[in-house]
Amino acid sequence: MRRRRLIVLVIAVVAIVGASTFAVLASSRVKGSPSRTAAAYFEAWRKGDITGMERLVYQPPADFVVRHRALSDELHVESIQLTPGPLKSMGNGSAEVPFAGVRELTEFGAWPFDSTLRLAVRDGAWKVLWAPETLHPLLKDGGRLELGEIDMVGAELVTSEGDRIPHDSYAEAYLERLKPEFAEANQGWELVLKVPGQPDRPVLSKQAGANVEQTTLSRPVQAAAARALDGVEDSAIVAIRPGTGEIVGLADRLEENFSAVQDVFPPGSVFKTITAAALLKNGLEPFSEVSCPGSYTIPGHRTVDNDGAMDRGLISFTDAFAHSCNTTFVEQATTRLSSKDLVETANEWGFGRPIMTGIGGSCGSVRETGDVDAFAEDVIGQGEVVTTPLCMAALAAAVQSGVWRSPRLLSTEQVSRIDGTPPPEPAPMDEGIVTALRDMMRAVVDYGTAADTGLPEGVAGKTGTAEVVDGEDHAWFVGYRDDLAFCVFVRHGGSGAATAAPIAARFLNGL
């Protein structure tokens, strides 16, 4: 009996020891290894298998998949490269794998980073202990990466020679309005780290190079125009290449938001160029003898005076133009022309033609009238006639080249894109009228109202003094020299001969 109890006791002890040994063996049976788990995680990451990555993570956050996809979408990640380092056993069932990564970002290109994949035995298997910094070290402590557009200079507008626009060119207002037309290709980007409680920190930035766009402005012409206006308030110079219509100089110091391209003013005697063209078209010759009395009364209507009531007697039509005889032009126009004739001629020389510059623009207006007194005022550039300095520069360019062309500040292709329609086709003018106007404009400078104003050799032009009701007269001078036509306008500047012509001389002598 005693022996039987001993045997039973031994069996019980053996059973207990065996059960304990099995339990220890069972508990030491861990699924996988840190190296295999790490390799599987990196492989799934490379393939973009975020769900596969999630299965290898111990207690992944509910937004694990969303975080990964959101980061790739937010940063515009095109691809990722991962290079694991050697696995390090940390003891106590834990390990680490340092790794290098390179994300290819659409806006910035390759963006390298270094991080660590941490692993541990959890629930009998090797699992990844994931944290936001596993995705990128900057995401630690609630950090968030945000990609955003940054404001850039829309475009860099340069001269036709490819040079920078001269400093203080007085063309800045036009160029600044034009820059947004070329801003699309100039998007800058910035990658910013946002950590709660800390100021935003730029991580990456890409300053897009300025989109360089050539204008038609010529550096020496623009510089000369700007310097000619230094110290001259409320003034503008527009210079055009007659052979192409290119605006090679645009210096605008007009005040009160007036524009030399858009806003209209009474032209005074520079408009006599168009009246002369109408008279020539209707049979008056440059050498025809005409009367230039100090004053002239339209039969049954108003009286017109010359400046200073100057009486020049009988002179040629060219001389009347050179000395800007109001009385001659009113007498000849009211006896030879109708208001319709004057309007049609003005339309031929630009008033009725569309202007496509790339920066807007207008020519002005001449209205048909049945009132003889009003017509007489129109003839000498007063009354209802208004125009822009741009239009008068284009008029001078048409006399020089014999062809009216729409002035433009950009290439024909860019003007067509911005204005929505291409510039109008060049319009050849009557050769006989053009030849006569050239001779008459040379006479203005040789011995007429623009003589002794400092203009260099070879200039032809026309002065203008326009009376206005809100202040001193407007001063004008339009002309050309070689392949350069121009208009000088000084709002409330007084006499065209005393004010505008000397500025033109300073401009041309500065080239």
Protein backbone atom coordinates (compact mmCIF):
# COMPACT_ATOMS: atom_id res chain seq x y z
CA MET A 1 0.00 0.00 0.00
CA ARG A 2 2.77 2.39 0.92
CA ARG A 3 4.64 1.56 -2.30
CA ARG A 4 1.52 2.23 -4.40
CA ARG A 5 1.16 5.69 -2.88
CA LEU A 6 4.78 6.44 -3.73
CA ILE A 7 4.29 5.42 -7.36
CA VAL A 8 1.20 7.66 -7.65
CA LEU A 9 3.16 10.56 -6.17
CA VAL A 10 5.99 10.10 -8.66
CA ILE A 11 3.55 10.00 -11.56
CA ALA A 12 1.91 13.23 -10.37
CA VAL A 13 5.24 14.98 -10.04
CA VAL A 14 6.25 13.83 -13.51
CA ALA A 15 2.94 15.05 -14.91
CA ILE A 16 3.36 18.43 -13.30
CA VAL A 17 6.93 18.79 -14.53
CA GLY A 18 5.92 17.69 -18.03
CA ALA A 19 3.08 20.16 -18.16
CA SER A 20 5.38 22.96 -17.03
CA THR A 21 7.98 22.05 -19.62
CA PHE A 22 5.33 22.04 -22.41
CA ALA A 23 4.08 25.41 -21.30
CA VAL A 24 7.60 26.89 -21.44
CA LEU A 25 8.23 25.37 -24.85
CA ALA A 26 4.89 26.61 -26.14
CA SER A 27 5.51 30.12 -24.82
CA SER A 28 8.92 30.34 -26.52
CA ARG A 29 7.45 29.53 -29.94
CA VAL A 30 7.39 33.15 -31.55
CA LYS A 31 6.00 33.58 -35.06
CA GLY A 32 8.39 35.02 -37.65
CA SER A 33 11.61 36.90 -37.07
CA PRO A 34 12.51 40.60 -36.94
CA SER A 35 14.44 40.39 -40.20
CA ARG A 36 11.56 38.72 -42.10
CA THR A 37 8.99 41.14 -40.68
CA ALA A 38 11.14 44.14 -41.55
CA ALA A 39 11.81 42.84 -45.07
CA ALA A 40 8.08 42.21 -45.64
CA TYR A 41 7.23 45.73 -44.39
CA PHE A 42 9.76 47.45 -46.65
CA GLU A 43 8.65 45.39 -49.65
CA ALA A 44 4.98 46.29 -49.09
CA TRP A 45 5.96 49.97 -48.67
CA ARG A 46 7.88 49.99 -51.94
CA LYS A 47 4.89 48.52 -53.76
CA GLY A 48 2.48 50.95 -52.17
CA ASP A 49 0.65 48.06 -50.48
CA ILE A 50 -0.43 50.04 -47.43
CA THR A 51 -2.91 47.40 -46.32
CA GLY A 52 -0.10 44.84 -46.34
CA MET A 53 2.02 47.20 -44.24
CA GLU A 54 -0.84 47.66 -41.81
CA ARG A 55 -1.11 43.90 -41.19
CA LEU A 56 2.52 43.86 -39.99
CA VAL A 57 1.99 46.67 -37.47
CA TYR A 58 1.08 46.09 -33.83
CA GLN A 59 -2.10 47.96 -33.02
CA PRO A 60 -1.94 50.33 -36.03
CA PRO A 61 -3.88 53.61 -35.67
CA ALA A 62 -7.31 53.66 -37.26
CA ASP A 63 -6.12 56.19 -39.85
CA PHE A 64 -2.93 54.29 -40.78
CA VAL A 65 -3.90 53.84 -44.44
CA VAL A 66 -5.33 57.34 -44.70
CA ARG A 67 -2.16 58.92 -43.30
CA HIS A 68 0.09 57.20 -45.80
CA ARG A 69 -2.08 58.03 -48.77
CA ALA A 70 -2.68 61.60 -47.62
CA LEU A 71 1.05 62.26 -47.29
CA SER A 72 1.76 60.93 -50.77
CA ASP A 73 -1.09 62.95 -52.25
CA GLU A 74 -0.28 66.12 -50.31
CA LEU A 75 3.40 66.11 -51.23
CA HIS A 76 2.83 64.92 -54.81
CA VAL A 77 5.03 61.86 -54.27
CA GLU A 78 5.79 60.08 -57.52
CA SER A 79 7.87 57.21 -56.11
CA ILE A 80 9.83 56.09 -53.06
CA GLN A 81 13.10 54.23 -52.62
CA LEU A 82 13.94 52.46 -49.35
CA THR A 83 17.37 51.13 -48.36
CA PRO A 84 17.37 49.22 -45.03
CA GLY A 85 20.50 49.10 -42.91
CA PRO A 86 21.61 46.15 -40.70
CA LEU A 87 19.15 44.90 -38.12
CA LYS A 88 20.08 45.65 -34.51
CA SER A 89 18.85 43.43 -31.66
CA MET A 90 17.89 45.59 -28.71
CA GLY A 91 17.24 42.64 -26.33
CA ASN A 92 14.03 41.79 -24.49
CA GLY A 93 12.35 40.78 -27.74
CA SER A 94 12.91 44.05 -29.60
CA ALA A 95 14.95 45.15 -32.62
CA GLU A 96 15.57 48.14 -34.88
CA VAL A 97 16.33 48.59 -38.56
CA PRO A 98 17.71 52.01 -39.58
CA PHE A 99 16.86 52.86 -43.16
CA ALA A 100 17.39 55.56 -45.77
CA GLY A 101 14.54 56.70 -47.96
CA VAL A 102 14.20 58.93 -51.01
CA ARG A 103 10.84 60.33 -52.07
CA GLU A 104 10.58 61.72 -55.58
CA LEU A 105 8.41 64.84 -55.39
CA THR A 106 6.85 66.35 -58.50
CA GLU A 107 7.79 69.91 -57.58
CA PHE A 108 11.18 69.34 -55.91
CA GLY A 109 12.60 66.12 -57.29
CA ALA A 110 14.48 63.71 -54.99
CA TRP A 111 13.92 64.36 -51.27
CA PRO A 112 15.99 62.03 -49.03
CA PHE A 113 15.27 61.20 -45.41
CA ASP A 114 16.52 58.82 -42.70
CA SER A 115 14.37 56.97 -40.22
CA THR A 116 14.20 53.81 -38.09
CA LEU A 117 11.83 50.85 -38.20
CA ARG A 118 11.24 49.52 -34.69
CA LEU A 119 10.08 45.94 -34.06
CA ALA A 120 9.11 43.87 -31.02
CA VAL A 121 7.43 40.62 -30.08
CA ARG A 122 3.80 41.24 -29.48
CA ASP A 123 1.13 38.55 -29.04
CA GLY A 124 3.61 35.82 -29.98
CA ALA A 125 4.80 37.42 -33.22
CA TRP A 126 7.31 39.95 -34.44
CA LYS A 127 5.47 43.15 -35.21
CA VAL A 128 6.35 46.67 -36.36
CA LEU A 129 5.97 49.28 -33.65
CA TRP A 130 4.76 52.09 -35.88
CA ALA A 131 4.88 55.81 -35.06
CA PRO A 132 4.39 58.85 -37.32
CA GLU A 133 8.16 59.41 -37.45
CA THR A 134 8.47 56.00 -39.14
CA LEU A 135 6.81 57.65 -42.12
CA HIS A 136 9.11 60.66 -41.82
CA PRO A 137 11.09 61.98 -38.84
CA LEU A 138 9.52 65.43 -39.19
CA LEU A 139 6.11 64.00 -38.35
CA LYS A 140 7.13 63.44 -34.72
CA ASP A 141 5.26 65.35 -31.99
CA GLY A 142 2.22 65.93 -34.19
CA GLY A 143 4.17 67.50 -37.04
CA ARG A 144 2.43 67.90 -40.38
CA LEU A 145 3.95 68.59 -43.80
CA GLU A 146 2.07 70.93 -46.10
CA LEU A 147 2.87 71.75 -49.72
CA GLY A 148 1.68 75.10 -50.97
CA GLU A 149 2.01 77.52 -53.83
CA ILE A 150 3.98 80.68 -53.21
CA ASP A 151 3.56 84.01 -54.92
CA MET A 152 6.15 84.67 -57.57
CA VAL A 153 6.92 87.54 -59.89
CA GLY A 154 4.56 86.80 -62.77
CA ALA A 155 7.09 87.46 -65.49
CA GLU A 156 10.17 89.38 -66.30
CA LEU A 157 9.52 91.66 -69.23
CA VAL A 158 12.62 92.67 -71.13
CA THR A 159 13.48 94.88 -74.06
CA SER A 160 13.58 93.70 -77.66
CA GLU A 161 17.33 93.25 -77.22
CA GLY A 162 16.75 90.95 -74.22
CA ASP A 163 17.97 93.52 -71.69
CA ARG A 164 16.25 94.61 -68.51
CA ILE A 165 13.91 97.58 -68.86
CA PRO A 166 15.87 100.70 -67.81
CA HIS A 167 15.36 101.82 -64.21
CA ASP A 168 12.74 104.57 -63.73
CA SER A 169 11.60 104.06 -67.30
CA TYR A 170 8.11 105.50 -66.69
CA ALA A 171 6.73 102.39 -68.41
CA GLU A 172 6.29 100.46 -65.15
CA ALA A 173 2.52 100.91 -64.91
CA TYR A 174 2.01 99.27 -68.30
CA LEU A 175 4.47 96.46 -67.67
CA GLU A 176 3.02 95.59 -64.25
CA ARG A 177 -0.46 95.26 -65.74
CA LEU A 178 0.99 93.07 -68.48
CA LYS A 179 2.91 90.64 -66.24
CA PRO A 180 -0.12 88.54 -65.17
CA GLU A 181 -0.55 87.57 -68.81
CA PHE A 182 2.66 85.55 -68.51
CA ALA A 183 2.34 84.39 -64.89
CA GLU A 184 1.00 80.88 -65.51
CA ALA A 185 4.43 79.36 -66.09
CA ASN A 186 5.89 80.89 -62.93
CA GLN A 187 4.50 78.84 -60.07
CA GLY A 188 6.67 78.66 -56.95
CA TRP A 189 6.29 75.96 -54.31
CA GLU A 190 7.10 75.65 -50.62
CA LEU A 191 7.02 72.62 -48.31
CA VAL A 192 6.29 73.74 -44.75
CA LEU A 193 6.47 71.84 -41.44
CA LYS A 194 3.64 72.66 -39.07
CA VAL A 195 4.06 71.53 -35.44
CA PRO A 196 1.43 72.46 -32.83
CA GLY A 197 2.64 75.30 -30.65
CA GLN A 198 5.59 76.11 -32.90
CA PRO A 199 6.01 78.60 -35.77
CA ASP A 200 5.81 77.19 -39.29
CA ARG A 201 9.19 76.11 -40.63
CA PRO A 202 9.95 75.99 -44.37
CA VAL A 203 11.53 72.66 -45.31
CA LEU A 204 11.83 72.98 -49.07
CA SER A 205 11.17 75.83 -51.49
CA LYS A 206 11.34 76.18 -55.22
CA GLN A 207 11.64 79.67 -56.61
CA ALA A 208 10.47 79.32 -60.18
CA GLY A 209 12.56 81.27 -62.63
CA ALA A 210 10.82 84.30 -64.07
CA ASN A 211 9.12 83.75 -67.40
CA VAL A 212 11.14 86.10 -69.60
CA GLU A 213 9.06 87.76 -72.26
CA GLN A 214 10.41 90.20 -74.81
CA THR A 215 8.55 93.42 -75.42
CA THR A 216 9.11 95.65 -78.42
CA LEU A 217 10.69 98.34 -76.26
CA SER A 218 14.20 99.27 -77.31
CA ARG A 219 16.55 99.85 -74.41
CA PRO A 220 18.28 102.95 -75.80
CA VAL A 221 15.01 104.48 -77.03
CA GLN A 222 13.20 103.81 -73.76
CA ALA A 223 16.10 105.20 -71.74
CA ALA A 224 16.26 108.35 -73.89
CA ALA A 225 12.49 108.87 -73.64
CA ALA A 226 12.50 108.49 -69.86
CA ARG A 227 15.45 110.83 -69.34
CA ALA A 228 13.88 113.42 -71.66
CA LEU A 229 10.87 113.51 -69.31
CA ASP A 230 12.87 113.75 -66.08
CA GLY A 231 11.62 116.85 -64.31
CA VAL A 232 8.68 117.28 -66.71
CA GLU A 233 5.44 116.63 -64.88
CA ASP A 234 2.25 115.37 -66.53
CA SER A 235 3.99 114.33 -69.73
CA ALA A 236 4.45 111.37 -72.07
CA ILE A 237 6.51 110.18 -75.01
CA VAL A 238 5.39 107.38 -77.31
CA ALA A 239 7.88 106.17 -79.92
CA ILE A 240 7.08 103.74 -82.74
CA ARG A 241 9.11 101.91 -85.37
CA PRO A 242 7.23 102.90 -88.55
CA GLY A 243 8.33 99.86 -90.53
CA THR A 244 6.81 97.41 -88.04
CA GLY A 245 4.44 99.30 -85.75
CA GLU A 246 6.51 98.25 -82.74
CA ILE A 247 6.31 100.55 -79.73
CA VAL A 248 10.01 101.08 -79.00
CA GLY A 249 9.55 103.75 -76.35
CA LEU A 250 6.72 104.36 -73.88
CA ALA A 251 7.48 106.82 -71.11
CA ASP A 252 4.34 107.98 -69.36
CA ARG A 253 4.37 110.51 -66.51
CA LEU A 254 0.77 111.62 -66.93
CA GLU A 255 -0.91 112.34 -63.62
CA GLU A 256 -4.40 111.68 -62.25
CA ASN A 257 -4.30 108.14 -63.68
CA PHE A 258 -4.33 109.37 -67.26
CA SER A 259 -2.82 107.07 -69.87
CA ALA A 260 -0.96 107.99 -73.05
CA VAL A 261 -2.36 104.83 -74.61
CA GLN A 262 -6.00 104.91 -73.52
CA ASP A 263 -7.05 108.47 -72.67
CA VAL A 264 -7.96 111.11 -75.22
CA PHE A 265 -7.17 114.81 -75.32
CA PRO A 266 -7.80 117.63 -77.82
CA PRO A 267 -4.85 117.51 -80.25
CA GLY A 268 -4.75 121.12 -81.37
CA SER A 269 -2.70 121.81 -84.47
CA VAL A 270 -1.08 118.36 -84.73
CA PHE A 271 -4.49 117.37 -86.12
CA LYS A 272 -3.82 119.70 -89.05
CA THR A 273 -1.77 116.83 -90.46
CA ILE A 274 -5.04 114.97 -91.05
CA THR A 275 -6.84 118.11 -92.24
CA ALA A 276 -3.97 118.69 -94.67
CA ALA A 277 -4.33 115.10 -95.93
CA ALA A 278 -8.04 115.72 -96.53
CA LEU A 279 -7.32 118.96 -98.41
CA LEU A 280 -4.60 117.31 -100.50
CA LYS A 281 -7.00 114.48 -101.27
CA ASN A 282 -9.53 117.05 -102.50
CA GLY A 283 -7.16 118.79 -104.88
CA LEU A 284 -5.18 121.36 -102.90
CA GLU A 285 -1.46 121.16 -103.79
CA PRO A 286 1.47 121.79 -101.41
CA PHE A 287 2.58 124.72 -103.57
CA SER A 288 -0.93 126.17 -104.00
CA GLU A 289 -1.17 129.83 -103.00
CA VAL A 290 -3.42 130.38 -100.01
CA SER A 291 -4.25 133.28 -97.74
CA CYS A 292 -3.06 133.44 -94.11
CA PRO A 293 -4.68 136.56 -92.63
CA GLY A 294 -4.45 137.37 -88.94
CA SER A 295 -8.15 136.54 -88.58
CA TYR A 296 -10.77 135.01 -90.82
CA THR A 297 -14.54 135.17 -90.54
CA ILE A 298 -16.48 132.27 -92.00
CA PRO A 299 -19.25 133.89 -94.06
CA GLY A 300 -22.28 134.08 -91.81
CA HIS A 301 -20.43 132.38 -88.97
CA ARG A 302 -17.64 132.75 -86.44
CA THR A 303 -14.23 134.41 -86.66
CA VAL A 304 -11.00 132.44 -86.26
CA ASP A 305 -7.65 134.01 -85.26
CA ASN A 306 -4.04 132.98 -85.76
CA ASP A 307 -1.76 132.79 -82.77
CA GLY A 308 -0.92 136.38 -81.98
CA ALA A 309 -3.17 137.43 -84.91
CA MET A 310 -0.16 136.93 -87.21
CA ASP A 311 -0.94 137.98 -90.79
CA ARG A 312 1.28 136.27 -93.35
CA GLY A 313 -0.60 137.31 -96.43
CA LEU A 314 -0.47 135.02 -99.47
CA ILE A 315 1.76 131.97 -98.92
CA SER A 316 1.99 128.39 -100.13
CA PHE A 317 -0.08 125.68 -98.50
CA THR A 318 3.19 124.12 -97.27
CA ASP A 319 4.13 127.40 -95.58
CA ALA A 320 0.67 127.66 -94.04
CA PHE A 321 1.20 124.21 -92.55
CA ALA A 322 4.72 125.08 -91.41
CA HIS A 323 3.52 128.22 -89.62
CA SER A 324 0.29 126.52 -88.46
CA CYS A 325 -2.08 129.14 -89.88
CA ASN A 326 -5.47 128.57 -88.30
CA THR A 327 -7.11 130.99 -90.69
CA THR A 328 -5.79 129.18 -93.77
CA PHE A 329 -7.00 125.79 -92.62
CA VAL A 330 -10.44 127.01 -91.58
CA GLU A 331 -10.97 128.91 -94.84
CA GLN A 332 -9.75 126.09 -97.06
CA ALA A 333 -11.60 123.36 -95.16
CA THR A 334 -14.94 125.17 -94.95
CA THR A 335 -14.85 125.98 -98.67
CA ARG A 336 -13.43 122.67 -99.98
CA LEU A 337 -14.45 119.97 -97.50
CA SER A 338 -17.47 118.63 -95.72
CA SER A 339 -17.38 117.31 -92.17
CA LYS A 340 -17.84 113.86 -93.68
CA ASP A 341 -14.67 114.30 -95.75
CA LEU A 342 -12.69 115.12 -92.63
CA VAL A 343 -14.10 112.15 -90.70
CA GLU A 344 -13.33 109.75 -93.55
CA THR A 345 -9.75 110.99 -93.81
CA ALA A 346 -9.26 110.76 -90.05
CA ASN A 347 -10.56 107.20 -90.15
CA GLU A 348 -8.07 106.32 -92.89
CA TRP A 349 -5.21 107.65 -90.78
CA GLY A 350 -6.10 105.66 -87.67
CA PHE A 351 -9.24 107.05 -86.05
CA GLY A 352 -11.44 104.42 -87.65
CA ARG A 353 -9.03 101.52 -87.30
CA PRO A 354 -8.76 99.06 -84.40
CA ILE A 355 -5.59 99.28 -82.34
CA MET A 356 -4.17 96.03 -80.93
CA THR A 357 -1.16 96.73 -78.73
CA GLY A 358 -1.30 94.00 -76.09
CA ILE A 359 -1.88 96.69 -73.44
CA GLY A 360 -5.07 98.16 -74.81
CA GLY A 361 -5.26 101.42 -76.68
CA SER A 362 -7.50 103.75 -78.62
CA CYS A 363 -7.11 106.43 -81.23
CA GLY A 364 -9.87 108.88 -80.46
CA SER A 365 -12.80 110.26 -82.36
CA VAL A 366 -13.82 112.82 -84.96
CA ARG A 367 -17.57 113.26 -85.20
CA GLU A 368 -19.47 114.32 -88.26
CA THR A 369 -21.34 117.57 -87.73
CA GLY A 370 -23.64 119.84 -89.67
CA ASP A 371 -22.62 122.87 -87.60
CA VAL A 372 -20.14 124.98 -89.61
CA ASP A 373 -18.69 126.62 -86.50
CA ALA A 374 -18.15 123.21 -84.86
CA PHE A 375 -16.61 121.91 -88.08
CA ALA A 376 -14.20 124.85 -88.13
CA GLU A 377 -13.02 123.95 -84.63
CA ASP A 378 -12.57 120.31 -85.62
CA VAL A 379 -10.39 121.33 -88.57
CA ILE A 380 -7.76 122.80 -86.25
CA GLY A 381 -7.95 120.03 -83.64
CA GLN A 382 -10.33 121.70 -81.24
CA GLY A 383 -14.07 121.24 -80.80
CA GLU A 384 -15.10 117.61 -80.60
CA VAL A 385 -11.81 116.11 -81.86
CA VAL A 386 -9.92 114.08 -79.26
CA THR A 387 -7.05 111.64 -79.58
CA THR A 388 -4.36 109.76 -77.69
CA PRO A 389 -0.61 110.34 -77.82
CA LEU A 390 -0.37 106.73 -79.04
CA CYS A 391 -2.57 107.51 -82.03
CA MET A 392 -0.59 110.61 -82.93
CA ALA A 393 2.66 108.64 -82.81
CA ALA A 394 1.06 106.09 -85.15
CA LEU A 395 0.02 108.97 -87.45
CA ALA A 396 3.62 110.22 -87.65
CA ALA A 397 4.78 106.64 -88.30
CA ALA A 398 2.30 106.31 -91.18
CA VAL A 399 3.64 109.50 -92.79
CA GLN A 400 7.21 108.23 -92.50
CA SER A 401 6.54 104.74 -93.89
CA GLY A 402 3.56 105.41 -96.13
CA VAL A 403 1.69 102.59 -94.35
CA TRP A 404 -0.58 102.79 -91.32
CA ARG A 405 0.17 100.02 -88.83
CA SER A 406 -1.42 99.25 -85.50
CA PRO A 407 1.15 100.00 -82.79
CA ARG A 408 1.99 97.05 -80.56
CA LEU A 409 4.11 96.39 -77.47
CA LEU A 410 4.46 92.62 -77.96
CA SER A 411 4.91 90.13 -80.76
CA THR A 412 2.00 89.72 -83.15
CA GLU A 413 1.33 86.27 -81.67
CA GLN A 414 1.15 87.55 -78.10
CA VAL A 415 -1.00 90.52 -79.08
CA SER A 416 -3.41 88.13 -80.79
CA ARG A 417 -3.54 85.95 -77.67
CA ILE A 418 -4.05 88.79 -75.20
CA ASP A 419 -6.37 91.01 -77.24
CA GLY A 420 -8.28 88.05 -78.66
CA THR A 421 -7.74 89.09 -82.25
CA PRO A 422 -4.67 89.74 -84.40
CA PRO A 423 -3.60 93.31 -85.19
CA PRO A 424 -5.26 94.68 -88.32
CA GLU A 425 -3.41 94.31 -91.58
CA PRO A 426 -1.12 97.22 -92.56
CA ALA A 427 -2.95 99.82 -94.66
CA PRO A 428 -0.95 101.55 -97.44
CA MET A 429 -1.68 105.26 -97.69
CA ASP A 430 -1.95 107.40 -100.83
CA GLU A 431 1.62 107.82 -102.07
CA GLY A 432 1.12 111.38 -103.37
CA ILE A 433 -0.43 112.56 -100.11
CA VAL A 434 2.31 110.87 -98.07
CA THR A 435 5.05 112.54 -100.13
CA ALA A 436 3.41 115.95 -99.70
CA LEU A 437 2.97 115.51 -95.94
CA ARG A 438 6.62 114.57 -95.55
CA ASP A 439 7.71 117.78 -97.26
CA MET A 440 5.28 119.84 -95.21
CA MET A 441 6.41 118.31 -91.91
CA ARG A 442 10.05 118.96 -92.82
CA ALA A 443 9.14 122.59 -93.44
CA VAL A 444 7.75 122.83 -89.88
CA VAL A 445 11.19 121.98 -88.50
CA ASP A 446 13.27 123.78 -91.13
CA TYR A 447 11.63 127.20 -90.85
CA GLY A 448 8.22 126.79 -89.23
CA THR A 449 6.94 126.58 -85.68
CA ALA A 450 9.52 123.97 -84.62
CA ALA A 451 12.55 125.79 -86.01
CA ASP A 452 15.27 126.74 -83.50
CA THR A 453 14.02 124.25 -80.89
CA GLY A 454 17.21 122.16 -80.87
CA LEU A 455 15.89 119.33 -83.02
CA PRO A 456 18.67 117.39 -84.76
CA GLU A 457 19.14 117.15 -88.52
CA GLY A 458 16.62 115.05 -90.41
CA VAL A 459 13.56 115.57 -88.20
CA ALA A 460 10.12 116.23 -89.66
CA GLY A 461 7.15 117.03 -87.47
CA LYS A 462 4.21 119.14 -86.41
CA THR A 463 3.63 121.23 -83.31
CA GLY A 464 0.29 121.54 -81.58
CA THR A 465 -1.17 123.74 -78.88
CA ALA A 466 -4.63 122.65 -77.73
CA GLU A 467 -6.87 124.99 -75.80
CA VAL A 468 -8.75 123.44 -72.88
CA VAL A 469 -11.25 124.80 -70.41
CA ASP A 470 -9.74 123.28 -67.26
CA GLY A 471 -6.31 124.85 -67.29
CA GLU A 472 -3.34 125.81 -69.41
CA ASP A 473 -3.13 124.57 -73.01
CA HIS A 474 -1.88 121.07 -73.84
CA ALA A 475 1.49 120.97 -75.64
CA TRP A 476 2.08 118.52 -78.50
CA PHE A 477 4.82 117.64 -80.96
CA VAL A 478 4.65 114.70 -83.35
CA GLY A 479 7.29 113.71 -85.84
CA TYR A 480 9.82 111.24 -87.10
CA ARG A 481 13.48 110.84 -87.87
CA ASP A 482 14.74 107.94 -89.95
CA ASP A 483 12.88 104.79 -88.78
CA LEU A 484 11.63 106.34 -85.54
CA ALA A 485 8.30 108.13 -85.16
CA PHE A 486 7.16 109.73 -81.93
CA CYS A 487 4.68 111.88 -80.07
CA VAL A 488 5.55 114.20 -77.18
CA PHE A 489 2.60 115.33 -75.07
CA VAL A 490 2.63 117.61 -72.03
CA ARG A 491 -0.74 117.97 -70.38
CA HIS A 492 -1.31 121.64 -69.51
CA GLY A 493 2.21 122.27 -70.75
CA GLY A 494 1.45 125.37 -72.78
CA SER A 495 2.84 125.88 -76.27
CA GLY A 496 3.81 122.90 -78.41
CA ALA A 497 6.70 124.87 -79.91
CA ALA A 498 7.98 126.17 -76.58
CA THR A 499 7.45 123.02 -74.49
CA ALA A 500 6.94 119.81 -76.47
CA ALA A 501 9.39 120.37 -79.34
CA PRO A 502 12.39 121.00 -77.02
CA ILE A 503 11.53 117.79 -75.15
CA ALA A 504 11.52 115.96 -78.47
CA ALA A 505 14.94 117.46 -79.18
CA ARG A 506 16.23 116.24 -75.82
CA PHE A 507 14.80 112.79 -76.56
CA LEU A 508 16.34 112.49 -80.02
CA ASN A 509 19.69 113.97 -79.00
CA GLY A 510 19.80 111.42 -76.15
CA LEU A 511 19.68 108.42 -78.46
